[in-house]
Amino acid sequence: MEHSSGLLVVDDDHDILLALQDALEMEGYHVAVAHDGREALEQLKGGLRPELILLDLMMPDVSGWAFRAQQSSDVELASIPVVVVSGQGVSSRDVARLGAAGYLRKPVDLDDLLHTVERFASPEDPPEPASMASW
């Protein structure tokens, strides 16, 4: 059974994973997380269908490269856009070879992250404007 989720963040660095999850949830996005490519594939094969995947490349077990190869070859998963989030220098040729929709370099700038995510997904629970939050 498929269930929709706004975003899937895949990163083996627990601190980065939590920081991205917290920042995106504060903006109203529903965020699922996976600690490596294998866990992400299991969630997707279990029916998770995010609007966007934020993917680290350098992970143990199943790397972002291997995840992307498997995702791209699965007709049910191939259409889910992926934005690479990596501390390693990634060339535009690498991004194109991965078929990625974009690239964010770590450490991730919050404005760049939100601008990129907004291209693919909408918040499920938009935050209240600051002026209304204090009422």
Protein backbone atom coordinates (compact mmCIF):
# COMPACT_ATOMS: atom_id res chain seq x y z
CA MET A 1 0.00 0.00 0.00
CA GLU A 2 1.44 3.35 -1.03
CA HIS A 3 1.40 6.30 1.34
CA SER A 4 2.46 9.79 0.47
CA SER A 5 5.08 11.67 2.41
CA GLY A 6 6.40 15.08 1.55
CA LEU A 7 10.10 14.32 1.76
CA LEU A 8 12.55 11.49 2.35
CA VAL A 9 15.94 12.51 3.75
CA VAL A 10 18.70 9.90 3.41
CA ASP A 11 21.96 10.48 5.30
CA ASP A 12 24.19 8.34 7.52
CA ASP A 13 25.25 11.33 9.65
CA HIS A 14 22.69 11.36 12.47
CA ASP A 15 23.28 15.04 13.34
CA ILE A 16 22.81 16.19 9.75
CA LEU A 17 19.76 13.97 9.36
CA LEU A 18 18.12 15.45 12.46
CA ALA A 19 19.06 19.03 11.52
CA LEU A 20 17.51 18.66 8.06
CA GLN A 21 14.44 16.93 9.48
CA ASP A 22 13.94 19.61 12.15
CA ALA A 23 14.40 22.51 9.71
CA LEU A 24 11.96 21.04 7.20
CA GLU A 25 9.36 20.04 9.77
CA MET A 26 9.46 23.57 11.21
CA GLU A 27 8.46 24.76 7.73
CA GLY A 28 5.48 22.39 7.71
CA TYR A 29 6.87 19.47 5.68
CA HIS A 30 6.26 15.86 6.58
CA VAL A 31 9.71 14.24 6.65
CA ALA A 32 10.60 10.55 6.58
CA VAL A 33 14.23 9.64 7.26
CA ALA A 34 16.59 6.81 6.35
CA HIS A 35 20.14 6.26 7.59
CA ASP A 36 21.43 4.66 4.38
CA GLY A 37 20.39 3.66 0.89
CA ARG A 38 19.20 0.22 1.97
CA GLU A 39 16.79 1.67 4.55
CA ALA A 40 15.53 4.20 1.99
CA LEU A 41 14.88 1.47 -0.58
CA GLU A 42 13.04 -0.61 2.02
CA GLN A 43 10.77 2.34 2.83
CA LEU A 44 10.10 3.01 -0.84
CA LYS A 45 9.41 -0.64 -1.59
CA GLY A 46 7.10 -0.62 1.44
CA GLY A 47 4.96 2.02 -0.25
CA LEU A 48 6.45 5.37 0.78
CA ARG A 49 6.11 7.85 -2.10
CA PRO A 50 7.75 11.17 -1.23
CA GLU A 51 7.53 14.19 -3.48
CA LEU A 52 11.31 14.56 -3.18
CA ILE A 53 14.31 12.60 -1.90
CA LEU A 54 17.27 14.47 -0.37
CA LEU A 55 20.18 12.05 -0.79
CA ASP A 56 23.69 11.91 0.63
CA LEU A 57 26.13 10.06 -1.63
CA MET A 58 28.81 8.82 0.74
CA MET A 59 27.16 6.27 3.03
CA PRO A 60 28.17 2.79 4.19
CA ASP A 61 26.32 -0.34 3.09
CA VAL A 62 24.27 1.08 0.20
CA SER A 63 25.75 4.40 -0.96
CA GLY A 64 23.78 7.18 -2.57
CA TRP A 65 25.23 6.13 -5.92
CA ALA A 66 24.01 2.54 -5.47
CA PHE A 67 20.64 3.74 -4.14
CA ARG A 68 20.17 5.95 -7.18
CA ALA A 69 21.04 3.12 -9.57
CA GLN A 70 18.43 0.86 -7.96
CA GLN A 71 15.83 3.62 -7.72
CA SER A 72 16.30 4.59 -11.38
CA SER A 73 15.86 1.00 -12.55
CA ASP A 74 12.55 0.53 -10.69
CA VAL A 75 9.68 1.80 -12.83
CA GLU A 76 7.57 2.61 -9.73
CA LEU A 77 10.33 4.66 -8.08
CA ALA A 78 12.24 6.21 -10.98
CA SER A 79 10.00 9.26 -11.28
CA ILE A 80 10.62 10.46 -7.70
CA PRO A 81 13.00 13.42 -7.99
CA VAL A 82 16.30 13.33 -6.10
CA VAL A 83 18.42 16.23 -4.90
CA VAL A 84 21.95 15.24 -3.90
CA VAL A 85 23.11 16.69 -0.57
CA SER A 86 26.83 16.08 -0.15
CA GLY A 87 29.94 17.45 1.49
CA GLN A 88 32.01 15.95 -1.30
CA GLY A 89 32.61 18.01 -4.39
CA VAL A 90 30.07 16.85 -6.93
CA SER A 91 30.43 18.04 -10.50
CA SER A 92 27.53 18.99 -12.73
CA ARG A 93 28.48 15.92 -14.79
CA ASP A 94 28.05 13.71 -11.69
CA VAL A 95 24.65 15.28 -10.98
CA ALA A 96 23.60 14.67 -14.59
CA ARG A 97 24.96 11.11 -14.55
CA LEU A 98 22.89 10.41 -11.44
CA GLY A 99 19.82 11.90 -13.06
CA ALA A 100 19.50 14.14 -10.01
CA ALA A 101 17.20 17.14 -10.07
CA GLY A 102 19.69 19.26 -8.13
CA TYR A 103 22.61 19.48 -5.75
CA LEU A 104 23.12 21.09 -2.35
CA ARG A 105 26.58 21.25 -0.80
CA LYS A 106 27.08 20.56 2.91
CA PRO A 107 26.96 22.45 5.13
CA VAL A 108 23.56 23.25 3.68
CA ASP A 109 22.39 26.85 3.63
CA LEU A 110 18.83 26.90 5.01
CA ASP A 111 17.54 29.35 2.38
CA ASP A 112 19.01 27.21 -0.42
CA LEU A 113 17.47 24.09 1.12
CA LEU A 114 14.00 25.61 1.41
CA HIS A 115 14.13 27.16 -2.07
CA THR A 116 15.15 23.81 -3.57
CA VAL A 117 12.52 21.81 -1.67
CA GLU A 118 9.77 24.29 -2.62
CA ARG A 119 10.36 23.44 -6.28
CA PHE A 120 9.14 19.89 -5.66
CA ALA A 121 7.00 19.74 -2.54
CA SER A 122 4.44 21.75 -0.61
CA PRO A 123 4.28 21.94 3.18
CA GLU A 124 1.48 19.82 4.61
CA ASP A 125 1.12 22.08 7.63
CA PRO A 126 2.46 25.54 6.76
CA PRO A 127 3.88 27.43 9.73
CA GLU A 128 1.85 30.33 11.09
CA PRO A 129 3.13 33.79 10.18
CA ALA A 130 5.26 35.22 12.99
CA SER A 131 2.75 38.00 13.66
CA MET A 132 -0.04 35.47 14.23
CA ALA A 133 2.01 33.03 16.29
CA SER A 134 2.22 35.36 19.29
CA TRP A 135 -1.54 35.95 19.59
